[in-house]
Amino acid sequence: MRCPNCGSTKSIVKEKRPVKNKPEITRRRRECLVCKTRWTTHELLAGKVDIPTSHTG
C-alpha cells in the first residue's frame, strides 16, 4: 500500500476492524513509517479459498 502523502510503500496497520453491518469489508487505519501520515482503507474480501484441514484416504 502506498502512502497518499509521500508515496512510500513502508506502512503499518494501526487498527483493523470489520465495517458495521458489512462483515465482508475490513476497515484499516494505516500509518506511513516515513512521513507519519495516517489514512483509512476499506478492503473487500474478493473470494474465499477452502483449505482442507485433514486428508483421509
Protein backbone atom coordinates (compact mmCIF):
# COMPACT_ATOMS: atom_id res chain seq x y z
CA MET A 1 0.00 0.00 0.00
CA ARG A 2 1.43 3.39 -0.99
CA CYS A 3 1.23 6.42 1.27
CA PRO A 4 -1.08 9.05 -0.28
CA ASN A 5 1.21 11.81 1.02
CA CYS A 6 4.77 10.74 0.13
CA GLY A 7 4.29 7.57 -1.96
CA SER A 8 6.33 5.33 0.33
CA THR A 9 5.43 1.63 0.49
CA LYS A 10 6.56 1.38 4.11
CA SER A 11 3.46 1.45 6.28
CA ILE A 12 1.94 -0.38 9.22
CA VAL A 13 -1.65 -1.18 10.18
CA LYS A 14 -2.51 0.63 13.42
CA GLU A 15 -6.09 -0.62 13.74
CA LYS A 16 -8.21 -3.24 11.95
CA ARG A 17 -11.93 -3.95 12.33
CA PRO A 18 -14.94 -5.05 10.29
CA VAL A 19 -17.33 -2.40 9.00
CA LYS A 20 -20.57 -2.30 10.98
CA ASN A 21 -23.31 -4.42 9.32
CA LYS A 22 -20.89 -5.44 6.50
CA PRO A 23 -18.54 -8.16 7.82
CA GLU A 24 -17.05 -8.77 4.34
CA ILE A 25 -15.49 -5.27 4.42
CA THR A 26 -12.48 -4.56 6.65
CA ARG A 27 -11.58 -1.02 7.76
CA ARG A 28 -7.86 -0.46 8.35
CA ARG A 29 -6.10 2.58 9.80
CA ARG A 30 -2.60 2.75 8.35
CA GLU A 31 0.44 4.87 9.21
CA CYS A 32 3.37 5.69 6.93
CA LEU A 33 6.72 4.88 8.55
CA VAL A 34 8.44 7.65 6.55
CA CYS A 35 6.23 10.76 6.94
CA LYS A 36 3.89 9.53 9.75
CA THR A 37 0.72 10.30 7.74
CA ARG A 38 -2.33 8.21 8.71
CA TRP A 39 -5.09 7.14 6.36
CA THR A 40 -8.02 4.73 6.22
CA THR A 41 -8.62 1.92 3.74
CA HIS A 42 -11.76 -0.16 3.27
CA GLU A 43 -10.93 -3.58 1.88
CA LEU A 44 -13.39 -6.08 0.43
CA LEU A 45 -12.78 -9.81 0.57
CA ALA A 46 -12.56 -10.92 -3.07
CA GLY A 47 -13.22 -14.62 -2.53
CA LYS A 48 -12.85 -17.45 -0.12
CA VAL A 49 -10.42 -20.31 -0.56
CA ASP A 50 -11.26 -23.64 1.04
CA ILE A 51 -8.19 -25.23 2.61
CA PRO A 52 -8.61 -28.83 3.74
CA THR A 53 -7.60 -29.39 7.35
CA SER A 54 -7.15 -33.16 7.09
CA HIS A 55 -6.68 -35.78 4.42
CA THR A 56 -8.18 -39.23 4.52
CA GLY A 57 -7.53 -42.00 2.09
